[in-house]
Structure formats: C-alpha cells, structure tokens
Amino acid sequence: MVPIPSDEKTENTKDRPAEVCEDEPADHVLEVLHSPNEKPEKQNKLTNQETEHLVPTKWDEVQFSFPQPRVKFGKGMLEELPKAIFSLLDPMLMHIKKAAIEQPKLLIVIGGKSLKSSGALDRLLAACERNAIVTLIYSCGSGEATIDMVNEGVQIALDEKPHYIAGIGGGSVIDVAKAIAGIATNGGLVEDYYEGKPFELPGIPLIAVPTTAGTGSEITNNAVLIDKVNGFKKSIRGNQLIAKFILLDPELTLSCPPDISASSGADAFVQAIEAYVSKFSHPLADIYAMEAIVLISRNLKKVFENGQDFAARAEMLLGSYYAGVAFSNVNLGLVHGLAHPIGVKYDIPHGRICGALLPWVIDYNLEWQAKKYANIAKVLSQLDLFNKYEPEGTDYENARRLTGMIKEIFSQVQIPLRLQDIGVLKEDFEWIITQTKGRSVNANPRPIDPESLRQLLDKAW
C-alpha cells in the first residue's frame, strides 16, 4: 500500500522552509526528508516507469524522527482518565515536583452541552471522585477557539493551580486547553506568542480526549486561535503544548450529529491525503496517512447515515488519529493553506471548506505527485464508486480519476464541491490569495504564485 523508496539518484537537501506557520502544525517532529527546494519534473500523462522519481527518495537520504505521546484507545476509555493522571506522576514530566502533589487537582476544559447531556461528564467526575482527584470545570463555549476563551481559562489556572488539565471535546476545545496549559506556566498573553515568544517552560501536563473524529488537535503541538478584535486566525505553537496522554474513546463520538460527523470526517480525510503527498512525506508518516485514508473513506458514509454504528465510529476515530499523526510530522498542503483564510472570512465549518477545495487542489498538484495520487485512487477503487482505478492506466490517468472519486465520497455526505455552494464570494479572492501562506503552503507539492491561486479559485468556485 505504501510505495518503497526509489533507488534512482535524486538530489536532496536538508534545508527547511523558514517561513513562520500561521495555520498548521508541527516542527516538533519534522526534520529531513524530500528536498523542499527541489522542483520535481512535471508529469504530463507519463507512464508508470517514468513517474518512479515521485516515489520517496532512496533510503540513504531518508531521515526522520517520530516521537508520540502515550495513547490509549477503546470503549469507555474516558473513565480511565484517573489512571492516566497517576501514570503521569513523574517529576520528569511535570512543571512541579512530585512531592508537592498531595491530592491531584484536575482542570477539565469542555465546550458546549453535549458532554453533560450524554452523561459522559458525570461518569468522569464520579471516576475522579473515586480516585480522590479534585476536579474543576471550565466550559469555554461552542464555536472556534478564541483568544478570550484562552485568557479566561489561563486566569482560572493561575487562580486554582491545577496539577493537570484535560481537554475533552472537539478540536477547538483541545486547542483552548493546550493554550491554557502552556501559557499558565510560561506567562504572557496569546498575542506575545503570536509575535514569537517561545514556550520555554513545560506546560501543565495535558490529557487530550477528542469527542469528534476530525481535527487531529490531540496530537499536534499548536493551538489555532481566533483574534476577533483584529479579525485573524493564527497558531501559537511549541513542544510544551503537546499532550502528555491521549485517550481515544469511540463512545464519545456516538452523539456527534450527521453534519458535524461529515465535516470533521472530511477534514481528517483531507489531512490524510495532504500528508501523504506532502513535500516532506516520509515512509513512516506514509503508513499512517494511507491507513487513515482507508479507515475514513470506508466509514465516512456509515457514520453520516447511522451515528450509532459503533464499529464505524471506532474506525473513524482511529483514522482521524492516524491522520493527525501523519500530518503533525510532515505538515499539510494547499487545501489547508487556502481553507485557513476562508475560515477567517466566513463562518463555515472547516471540513466543508476543505472538502470543497480538495478536488481542485488535487487537479492543481496532479503533475507533481501523480504516483501518490494514483496510489490513493487504487485504494479508493475498493469502495462502491462509479469512478474506478484502471490497472492498465498510467499514474497520471488514475490520478485524474481520483478527483471523481473524491467528489463521489463527499457528495454521499452532503459536503459541497464548489466554493460558491458554501457561500464564498469571488470579490474576496484577492484577499484570500494574499493570506494564503505558512507551513501548509510550503509543504504543498507544487509551488504557488498569485496567478496560479487565482486560476485555482476560479475553477473551484
């Protein structure tokens, strides 16, 4: 399923893009792989043999590191949170000495009402009480993560001095929890970290518990926050924001409504594809990305049509985590580079933006990563889709078929396929183009320029 690196001679470099990321993760694991400055030869309906140079570089040029937090997966895992806390009672992992903890205090960051209404919060609180863990609850509210949410949470953390923080919710809730954990021990304001202030001290140890299958926030080292006053969305980042423990409990996703299941699932699907074709992709990340593509593609329609399908929910949650592991190591691509400013400009779910953009970005990148796109098409052809992979076709031809497959998959879960269908206006294109930048753009297989983006947006509209 994952291609083997070619033995052909390929020029490479260990230089990394220097531009500060404003949207996506993660330099904590990204070291060296393909040459970010290397320009691959374009493919124009080439044969499979001629596209071998797009398979990852030969082994003596492949280097990467791959650190990950502790992870537990399974039904009812939320109630294992007290055990996760006690397993972290290690002074090497904490900003305080072990001797200072007589009775652990946990700040639980949640979003809206779903965790309470499902009974999951009560079960967690009961488990904490049985284990003599003091709990505090901060409900940061619904919607995307904002500076105000973080500031309020930081003040609670400073006042109450919790030993641990648990972020339980969607990506925005976990982002708020990560930012609180880092800023509470390092001081300053969110704006300071926007301007480049580093996280030098360990954050309050964080346990991340996602309740949607989509964002990958539980595994990344950044928090994406909206500044409503100045009207922009930007990341703060640092290794100190990485969760110490991740609990993946499929039961928590059962109550996720169809539209959110579709949007978050589309986001994870796009993340997996962009990680797989990233300029910085490497063999280990490829394994996670491709497995995420398999799990998400075969379950997205199932969870949309029947949210109580536990097996499908479990595979979606695992696929989302795999996608997060992959892209947190190799970064994303132009879909997310464009989705970021569009998300700031419009009140549109992130996954719907990504879904509307993906087929058109694939078309834009096609001649630069035909081999890998064809690999994805081969996997998706196992689904009951009208478009199929053709074994006798070239990589370029099968990569072109992939866009039709993607459109079919998203149509099945009511993800729009054009920007005009989600409310994007052509008059905003120029602003979107000027704001399309960061790590996601740098990792895209094909370079960009204003005119090429303009043409892409026109096609996608």
Protein backbone atom coordinates (compact mmCIF):
# COMPACT_ATOMS: atom_id res chain seq x y z
CA MET A 1 0.00 0.00 0.00
CA VAL A 2 2.87 2.38 0.77
CA PRO A 3 5.44 2.78 -2.03
CA ILE A 4 9.05 1.76 -1.49
CA PRO A 5 11.66 4.49 -1.97
CA SER A 6 13.31 4.50 -5.35
CA ASP A 7 16.97 3.70 -5.91
CA GLU A 8 17.24 6.35 -8.60
CA LYS A 9 19.56 9.24 -7.92
CA THR A 10 17.63 12.20 -6.53
CA GLU A 11 19.08 15.48 -5.45
CA ASN A 12 18.23 16.34 -1.88
CA THR A 13 18.87 18.95 0.74
CA LYS A 14 18.34 19.25 4.47
CA ASP A 15 17.16 22.83 4.31
CA ARG A 16 13.79 23.57 5.81
CA PRO A 17 11.36 26.35 4.95
CA ALA A 18 11.93 29.29 7.28
CA GLU A 19 8.54 30.93 6.99
CA VAL A 20 6.59 31.03 10.21
CA CYS A 21 3.47 28.90 10.06
CA GLU A 22 0.18 30.66 10.61
CA ASP A 23 -2.08 27.70 10.25
CA GLU A 24 -0.90 24.16 10.76
CA PRO A 25 1.48 22.04 12.84
CA ALA A 26 4.31 20.94 13.64
CA ASP A 27 8.04 21.38 13.59
CA HIS A 28 8.49 19.22 16.67
CA VAL A 29 8.93 16.08 14.61
CA LEU A 30 9.76 17.39 11.15
CA GLU A 31 13.45 17.03 10.44
CA VAL A 32 14.59 15.92 7.00
CA LEU A 33 13.14 14.18 4.03
CA HIS A 34 12.50 15.27 0.50
CA SER A 35 14.13 18.41 -0.68
CA PRO A 36 11.71 21.26 -0.01
CA ASN A 37 13.59 23.30 -2.59
CA GLU A 38 13.68 20.55 -5.18
CA LYS A 39 11.31 21.07 -8.09
CA PRO A 40 10.02 17.70 -9.33
CA GLU A 41 9.73 17.21 -13.03
CA LYS A 42 6.19 17.78 -14.21
CA GLN A 43 4.24 14.76 -15.40
CA ASN A 44 2.05 15.01 -18.44
CA LYS A 45 0.29 11.67 -18.87
CA LEU A 46 3.54 9.83 -18.23
CA THR A 47 3.96 6.06 -17.93
CA ASN A 48 4.33 4.34 -14.57
CA GLN A 49 8.03 3.75 -15.24
CA GLU A 50 8.59 7.43 -15.95
CA THR A 51 6.95 8.50 -12.69
CA GLU A 52 9.17 6.42 -10.40
CA HIS A 53 11.06 9.55 -9.33
CA LEU A 54 7.99 10.64 -7.41
CA VAL A 55 8.25 7.68 -5.05
CA PRO A 56 10.04 8.74 -1.82
CA THR A 57 13.78 9.24 -2.12
CA LYS A 58 16.30 6.44 -1.78
CA TRP A 59 16.95 5.09 1.69
CA ASP A 60 20.33 6.70 2.34
CA GLU A 61 18.67 10.12 2.06
CA VAL A 62 15.63 9.40 4.27
CA GLN A 63 15.84 10.77 7.81
CA PHE A 64 13.06 11.43 10.29
CA SER A 65 12.12 11.32 13.96
CA PHE A 66 8.73 10.29 15.24
CA PRO A 67 8.04 10.98 18.96
CA GLN A 68 4.45 10.49 20.14
CA PRO A 69 2.53 10.93 23.42
CA ARG A 70 1.13 7.99 25.35
CA VAL A 71 -2.12 6.78 23.79
CA LYS A 72 -4.95 4.53 24.97
CA PHE A 73 -7.84 3.57 22.69
CA GLY A 74 -11.09 1.77 23.44
CA LYS A 75 -14.67 1.84 24.58
CA GLY A 76 -15.14 3.54 27.95
CA MET A 77 -11.63 4.98 27.91
CA LEU A 78 -12.85 8.31 29.32
CA GLU A 79 -13.22 6.70 32.73
CA GLU A 80 -9.56 5.65 32.53
CA LEU A 81 -8.54 9.29 32.86
CA PRO A 82 -7.67 8.98 36.58
CA LYS A 83 -5.27 6.15 35.71
CA ALA A 84 -3.68 8.40 33.08
CA ILE A 85 -3.18 11.05 35.75
CA PHE A 86 -1.47 8.66 38.14
CA SER A 87 0.72 7.29 35.37
CA LEU A 88 1.97 10.82 34.84
CA LEU A 89 3.03 11.31 38.44
CA ASP A 90 6.60 11.54 37.31
CA PRO A 91 8.60 14.68 38.15
CA MET A 92 10.42 14.38 34.82
CA LEU A 93 7.12 15.05 33.05
CA MET A 94 5.83 17.85 35.24
CA HIS A 95 6.31 21.54 35.92
CA ILE A 96 6.09 20.84 39.66
CA LYS A 97 7.75 18.35 41.96
CA LYS A 98 6.02 15.10 42.71
CA ALA A 99 6.28 15.78 46.43
CA ALA A 100 4.07 18.86 46.03
CA ILE A 101 1.08 16.76 45.00
CA GLU A 102 -0.85 15.51 47.99
CA GLN A 103 -4.17 15.37 46.19
CA PRO A 104 -4.19 15.79 42.37
CA LYS A 105 -6.26 18.68 41.07
CA LEU A 106 -7.65 18.46 37.53
CA LEU A 107 -8.98 21.34 35.41
CA ILE A 108 -11.42 19.91 32.85
CA VAL A 109 -11.93 22.07 29.76
CA ILE A 110 -15.14 21.31 27.86
CA GLY A 111 -17.17 23.01 25.14
CA GLY A 112 -20.95 23.13 24.90
CA LYS A 113 -23.56 20.89 26.46
CA SER A 114 -23.06 17.55 24.68
CA LEU A 115 -20.63 16.07 27.20
CA LYS A 116 -23.04 16.90 30.02
CA SER A 117 -26.22 15.79 28.24
CA SER A 118 -24.70 12.44 27.22
CA GLY A 119 -23.82 11.63 30.82
CA ALA A 120 -20.12 11.29 29.97
CA LEU A 121 -19.10 14.20 32.19
CA ASP A 122 -20.91 12.72 35.19
CA ARG A 123 -19.16 9.39 34.64
CA LEU A 124 -15.79 11.13 34.53
CA LEU A 125 -16.46 13.16 37.65
CA ALA A 126 -17.53 10.02 39.50
CA ALA A 127 -14.35 8.23 38.43
CA CYS A 128 -12.25 11.16 39.64
CA GLU A 129 -14.06 11.24 42.96
CA ARG A 130 -13.42 7.52 43.49
CA ASN A 131 -9.74 8.22 42.99
CA ALA A 132 -9.63 11.29 45.27
CA ILE A 133 -8.94 13.68 42.38
CA VAL A 134 -10.23 17.23 42.84
CA THR A 135 -11.98 18.49 39.71
CA LEU A 136 -12.70 21.95 38.32
CA ILE A 137 -14.72 22.51 35.15
CA TYR A 138 -14.18 25.31 32.65
CA SER A 139 -16.76 25.43 29.86
CA CYS A 140 -15.22 27.58 27.14
CA GLY A 141 -18.36 27.50 25.00
CA SER A 142 -19.08 26.38 21.46
CA GLY A 143 -17.57 27.59 18.22
CA GLU A 144 -13.98 28.02 17.20
CA ALA A 145 -11.27 28.69 19.76
CA THR A 146 -10.68 32.36 20.57
CA ILE A 147 -8.16 34.42 22.48
CA ASP A 148 -10.84 35.35 25.02
CA MET A 149 -11.54 31.69 25.79
CA VAL A 150 -7.85 31.12 26.46
CA ASN A 151 -7.41 34.25 28.57
CA GLU A 152 -10.34 33.29 30.78
CA GLY A 153 -9.01 29.75 31.18
CA VAL A 154 -5.47 30.93 31.95
CA GLN A 155 -6.81 33.10 34.77
CA ILE A 156 -8.67 30.11 36.21
CA ALA A 157 -5.48 28.04 36.03
CA LEU A 158 -3.46 30.77 37.75
CA ASP A 159 -6.05 31.13 40.50
CA GLU A 160 -6.73 27.43 41.09
CA LYS A 161 -3.26 26.00 40.29
CA PRO A 162 -4.36 22.63 38.88
CA HIS A 163 -1.77 19.88 38.56
CA TYR A 164 -3.29 18.64 35.30
CA ILE A 165 -5.55 19.86 32.51
CA ALA A 166 -7.88 17.66 30.46
CA GLY A 167 -9.24 18.98 27.16
CA ILE A 168 -12.37 16.98 26.32
CA GLY A 169 -14.17 17.98 23.13
CA GLY A 170 -13.64 18.86 19.52
CA GLY A 171 -10.51 20.40 18.11
CA SER A 172 -11.32 23.90 19.33
CA VAL A 173 -11.77 22.76 22.93
CA ILE A 174 -8.49 20.86 22.85
CA ASP A 175 -6.75 23.88 21.31
CA VAL A 176 -8.04 26.06 24.16
CA ALA A 177 -6.82 23.51 26.70
CA LYS A 178 -3.38 23.33 25.06
CA ALA A 179 -3.01 27.10 25.06
CA ILE A 180 -4.07 27.33 28.72
CA ALA A 181 -1.61 24.60 29.69
CA GLY A 182 1.30 26.37 28.01
CA ILE A 183 0.59 30.00 28.86
CA ALA A 184 -0.28 29.35 32.52
CA THR A 185 3.29 28.25 33.25
CA ASN A 186 5.15 30.44 30.74
CA GLY A 187 3.31 33.71 31.35
CA GLY A 188 2.35 36.46 28.97
CA LEU A 189 -0.59 36.82 26.61
CA VAL A 190 -1.63 34.96 23.49
CA GLU A 191 -0.52 37.99 21.48
CA ASP A 192 3.03 37.56 22.82
CA TYR A 193 3.19 34.07 21.35
CA TYR A 194 1.77 35.33 18.06
CA GLU A 195 4.78 37.63 17.96
CA GLY A 196 7.23 34.81 18.53
CA LYS A 197 7.58 34.45 22.30
CA PRO A 198 8.79 30.86 22.86
CA PHE A 199 7.36 28.34 25.29
CA GLU A 200 10.44 27.70 27.40
CA LEU A 201 8.94 26.01 30.49
CA PRO A 202 6.93 22.78 30.48
CA GLY A 203 3.21 23.38 30.39
CA ILE A 204 0.70 21.99 32.86
CA PRO A 205 0.53 18.29 31.90
CA LEU A 206 -2.30 17.90 29.40
CA ILE A 207 -4.57 14.94 28.71
CA ALA A 208 -6.40 15.25 25.38
CA VAL A 209 -9.72 13.45 24.82
CA PRO A 210 -11.29 14.11 21.39
CA THR A 211 -15.06 13.79 21.00
CA THR A 212 -15.09 14.19 17.22
CA ALA A 213 -13.22 12.27 14.53
CA GLY A 214 -11.64 15.01 12.54
CA THR A 215 -9.21 17.67 13.67
CA GLY A 216 -6.15 15.81 14.95
CA SER A 217 -5.66 18.53 17.57
CA GLU A 218 -4.98 15.91 20.24
CA ILE A 219 -1.63 15.04 18.64
CA THR A 220 -0.31 18.42 17.43
CA ASN A 221 1.94 20.99 19.11
CA ASN A 222 -0.10 24.04 18.16
CA ALA A 223 -3.32 25.80 19.11
CA VAL A 224 -5.25 27.66 16.41
CA LEU A 225 -6.95 30.73 17.88
CA ILE A 226 -9.14 33.49 16.51
CA ASP A 227 -8.47 37.12 17.36
CA LYS A 228 -11.96 38.57 16.95
CA VAL A 229 -10.82 42.14 17.56
CA ASN A 230 -8.25 42.17 14.76
CA GLY A 231 -10.04 39.65 12.58
CA PHE A 232 -7.50 36.90 12.04
CA LYS A 233 -6.83 33.29 12.94
CA LYS A 234 -3.34 32.19 13.87
CA SER A 235 -1.45 29.44 15.65
CA ILE A 236 0.66 29.53 18.74
CA ARG A 237 2.98 26.56 18.95
CA GLY A 238 5.63 24.80 20.95
CA ASN A 239 6.58 21.30 22.03
CA GLN A 240 5.36 22.18 25.52
CA LEU A 241 1.79 22.18 24.16
CA ILE A 242 1.89 18.52 23.14
CA ALA A 243 -0.45 16.37 25.23
CA LYS A 244 1.22 14.01 27.66
CA PHE A 245 -1.58 11.47 27.28
CA ILE A 246 -4.27 10.88 24.64
CA LEU A 247 -7.44 8.93 25.38
CA LEU A 248 -9.41 7.79 22.32
CA ASP A 249 -12.91 6.70 23.32
CA PRO A 250 -15.27 5.96 20.38
CA GLU A 251 -18.28 6.15 22.71
CA LEU A 252 -17.77 9.91 22.96
CA THR A 253 -18.37 10.30 19.22
CA LEU A 254 -21.72 8.47 19.12
CA SER A 255 -23.72 11.62 19.82
CA CYS A 256 -22.00 13.63 17.10
CA PRO A 257 -24.72 14.81 14.65
CA PRO A 258 -24.53 13.93 10.93
CA ASP A 259 -23.41 17.36 9.70
CA ILE A 260 -20.54 17.56 12.19
CA SER A 261 -19.62 13.92 11.54
CA ALA A 262 -19.40 14.72 7.83
CA SER A 263 -17.47 17.96 8.25
CA SER A 264 -14.96 16.66 10.78
CA GLY A 265 -14.56 13.43 8.83
CA ALA A 266 -13.92 15.35 5.62
CA ASP A 267 -11.27 17.38 7.43
CA ALA A 268 -9.49 14.22 8.61
CA PHE A 269 -9.72 12.71 5.13
CA VAL A 270 -8.14 15.80 3.58
CA GLN A 271 -5.45 15.83 6.27
CA ALA A 272 -4.51 12.23 5.46
CA ILE A 273 -4.32 12.89 1.71
CA GLU A 274 -2.31 16.08 2.11
CA ALA A 275 0.11 14.39 4.49
CA TYR A 276 0.60 11.51 2.06
CA VAL A 277 1.54 13.81 -0.83
CA SER A 278 3.38 16.39 1.30
CA LYS A 279 6.73 17.60 0.04
CA PHE A 280 8.14 16.38 3.36
CA SER A 281 6.47 12.95 3.39
CA HIS A 282 8.47 10.00 4.63
CA PRO A 283 7.89 6.24 4.85
CA LEU A 284 6.59 6.08 8.42
CA ALA A 285 4.21 9.01 8.01
CA ASP A 286 3.04 7.46 4.73
CA ILE A 287 1.94 4.33 6.59
CA TYR A 288 -0.22 6.35 9.00
CA ALA A 289 -1.60 8.58 6.23
CA MET A 290 -2.59 5.70 3.97
CA GLU A 291 -4.20 3.73 6.78
CA ALA A 292 -6.15 6.87 7.70
CA ILE A 293 -7.33 7.17 4.10
CA VAL A 294 -8.51 3.55 4.19
CA LEU A 295 -10.35 3.83 7.53
CA ILE A 296 -12.00 7.18 6.86
CA SER A 297 -13.05 6.51 3.27
CA ARG A 298 -14.87 3.29 4.14
CA ASN A 299 -16.62 4.69 7.23
CA LEU A 300 -17.48 8.32 6.49
CA LYS A 301 -20.78 7.48 4.81
CA LYS A 302 -21.63 4.94 7.54
CA VAL A 303 -21.31 7.40 10.43
CA PHE A 304 -23.21 10.03 8.45
CA GLU A 305 -26.15 7.71 7.89
CA ASN A 306 -26.05 5.88 11.24
CA GLY A 307 -24.30 7.64 14.08
CA GLN A 308 -24.83 4.64 16.38
CA ASP A 309 -22.70 2.32 14.24
CA PHE A 310 -20.04 1.76 16.89
CA ALA A 311 -17.62 -0.11 14.65
CA ALA A 312 -17.69 2.69 12.09
CA ARG A 313 -17.29 5.30 14.82
CA ALA A 314 -14.29 3.44 16.23
CA GLU A 315 -12.59 3.20 12.85
CA MET A 316 -13.29 6.87 12.11
CA LEU A 317 -11.75 7.94 15.43
CA LEU A 318 -8.70 5.78 14.84
CA GLY A 319 -8.42 7.04 11.25
CA SER A 320 -8.62 10.62 12.43
CA TYR A 321 -5.85 9.98 14.94
CA TYR A 322 -3.69 8.34 12.28
CA ALA A 323 -4.19 11.35 10.02
CA GLY A 324 -3.14 13.61 12.88
CA VAL A 325 -0.01 11.57 13.49
CA ALA A 326 0.88 11.80 9.80
CA PHE A 327 0.33 15.50 9.23
CA SER A 328 1.84 16.53 12.56
CA ASN A 329 5.06 15.00 11.28
CA VAL A 330 5.09 16.18 7.65
CA ASN A 331 2.64 19.13 7.53
CA LEU A 332 -0.35 19.61 5.26
CA GLY A 333 -0.83 21.31 1.89
CA LEU A 334 -2.59 23.93 -0.17
CA VAL A 335 -6.12 22.85 0.80
CA HIS A 336 -5.41 23.91 4.36
CA GLY A 337 -3.37 26.89 3.20
CA LEU A 338 -6.48 28.21 1.43
CA ALA A 339 -9.01 26.99 3.98
CA HIS A 340 -7.35 28.98 6.73
CA PRO A 341 -8.14 32.50 5.41
CA ILE A 342 -11.52 31.38 4.06
CA GLY A 343 -12.38 30.17 7.56
CA VAL A 344 -11.47 33.56 8.98
CA LYS A 345 -13.55 35.42 6.40
CA TYR A 346 -16.64 33.23 6.59
CA ASP A 347 -18.46 31.36 9.35
CA ILE A 348 -18.17 27.99 7.58
CA PRO A 349 -17.22 24.66 9.18
CA HIS A 350 -13.58 23.94 8.40
CA GLY A 351 -14.23 20.48 6.98
CA ARG A 352 -16.75 21.81 4.45
CA ILE A 353 -14.19 24.30 3.19
CA CYS A 354 -11.55 21.59 2.88
CA GLY A 355 -13.97 19.28 1.11
CA ALA A 356 -14.94 21.93 -1.44
CA LEU A 357 -11.27 22.65 -2.18
CA LEU A 358 -9.71 19.17 -2.25
CA PRO A 359 -10.63 18.02 -5.80
CA TRP A 360 -9.39 21.28 -7.28
CA VAL A 361 -6.13 21.28 -5.33
CA ILE A 362 -5.52 17.68 -6.43
CA ASP A 363 -6.04 18.83 -10.01
CA TYR A 364 -3.57 21.68 -9.39
CA ASN A 365 -0.93 19.33 -7.94
CA LEU A 366 -1.58 16.47 -10.33
CA GLU A 367 1.51 16.69 -12.49
CA TRP A 368 3.75 16.93 -9.42
CA GLN A 369 2.50 13.93 -7.41
CA ALA A 370 0.73 11.65 -9.89
CA LYS A 371 2.25 8.46 -8.46
CA LYS A 372 0.97 9.03 -4.95
CA TYR A 373 -2.43 10.29 -6.05
CA ALA A 374 -2.72 7.14 -8.18
CA ASN A 375 -1.91 5.05 -5.09
CA ILE A 376 -4.83 6.71 -3.29
CA ALA A 377 -7.11 6.10 -6.26
CA LYS A 378 -6.20 2.41 -6.17
CA VAL A 379 -7.24 2.21 -2.52
CA LEU A 380 -10.50 4.12 -3.03
CA SER A 381 -11.45 1.94 -6.01
CA GLN A 382 -12.29 -0.77 -3.47
CA LEU A 383 -15.32 1.32 -2.47
CA ASP A 384 -18.61 1.17 -4.30
CA LEU A 385 -17.90 4.16 -6.51
CA PHE A 386 -18.66 4.93 -10.13
CA ASN A 387 -15.08 6.04 -10.77
CA LYS A 388 -12.56 3.19 -10.66
CA TYR A 389 -8.80 2.72 -10.74
CA GLU A 390 -7.65 1.27 -14.07
CA PRO A 391 -4.74 -1.20 -13.66
CA GLU A 392 -3.66 -0.62 -17.25
CA GLY A 393 -3.79 3.16 -16.95
CA THR A 394 -0.85 5.45 -16.28
CA ASP A 395 -0.35 7.07 -12.89
CA TYR A 396 -1.40 10.37 -14.39
CA GLU A 397 -4.64 8.92 -15.74
CA ASN A 398 -5.51 7.21 -12.46
CA ALA A 399 -4.61 10.33 -10.50
CA ARG A 400 -7.15 12.22 -12.62
CA ARG A 401 -9.75 9.59 -11.74
CA LEU A 402 -9.10 10.33 -8.06
CA THR A 403 -10.84 13.71 -8.27
CA GLY A 404 -14.03 11.99 -9.42
CA MET A 405 -13.78 9.52 -6.54
CA ILE A 406 -13.35 12.33 -4.03
CA LYS A 407 -16.40 14.13 -5.39
CA GLU A 408 -18.48 10.95 -5.07
CA ILE A 409 -17.40 10.36 -1.48
CA PHE A 410 -18.15 13.92 -0.41
CA SER A 411 -21.46 14.02 -2.26
CA GLN A 412 -22.58 10.99 -0.24
CA VAL A 413 -22.25 13.00 2.98
CA GLN A 414 -23.52 16.32 1.61
CA ILE A 415 -20.15 18.09 1.52
CA PRO A 416 -20.37 20.83 -1.16
CA LEU A 417 -17.98 20.54 -4.08
CA ARG A 418 -17.68 24.21 -5.04
CA LEU A 419 -16.82 27.36 -3.14
CA GLN A 420 -19.95 29.16 -4.26
CA ASP A 421 -22.01 26.40 -2.63
CA ILE A 422 -20.56 27.24 0.80
CA GLY A 423 -21.00 30.99 0.40
CA VAL A 424 -17.54 32.15 -0.71
CA LEU A 425 -17.67 35.32 -2.83
CA LYS A 426 -15.42 35.97 -5.82
CA GLU A 427 -14.87 39.52 -4.63
CA ASP A 428 -12.87 38.10 -1.70
CA PHE A 429 -10.45 36.10 -3.84
CA GLU A 430 -7.70 38.70 -3.81
CA TRP A 431 -7.76 38.93 -0.02
CA ILE A 432 -7.74 35.12 0.28
CA ILE A 433 -4.73 34.95 -2.05
CA THR A 434 -2.74 37.46 -0.01
CA GLN A 435 -3.47 35.48 3.18
CA THR A 436 -2.60 32.05 1.78
CA LYS A 437 0.77 31.31 3.37
CA GLY A 438 2.52 29.29 6.05
CA ARG A 439 3.72 25.73 6.54
CA SER A 440 0.83 24.21 4.65
CA VAL A 441 1.74 26.19 1.55
CA ASN A 442 5.43 25.38 1.96
CA ALA A 443 4.69 21.64 2.16
CA ASN A 444 2.46 21.58 -0.91
CA PRO A 445 3.95 19.50 -3.75
CA ARG A 446 3.59 22.30 -6.30
CA PRO A 447 4.76 25.87 -5.64
CA ILE A 448 2.20 28.66 -5.75
CA ASP A 449 2.02 32.19 -7.07
CA PRO A 450 -0.85 34.69 -7.06
CA GLU A 451 -1.92 33.96 -10.63
CA SER A 452 -1.97 30.18 -10.15
CA LEU A 453 -4.06 30.62 -6.98
CA ARG A 454 -6.40 32.92 -8.83
CA GLN A 455 -6.94 30.31 -11.52
CA LEU A 456 -7.44 27.56 -8.93
CA LEU A 457 -10.04 29.56 -7.02
CA ASP A 458 -11.87 30.39 -10.27
CA LYS A 459 -12.08 26.68 -11.10
CA ALA A 460 -13.16 25.79 -7.55
CA TRP A 461 -15.83 28.48 -7.44
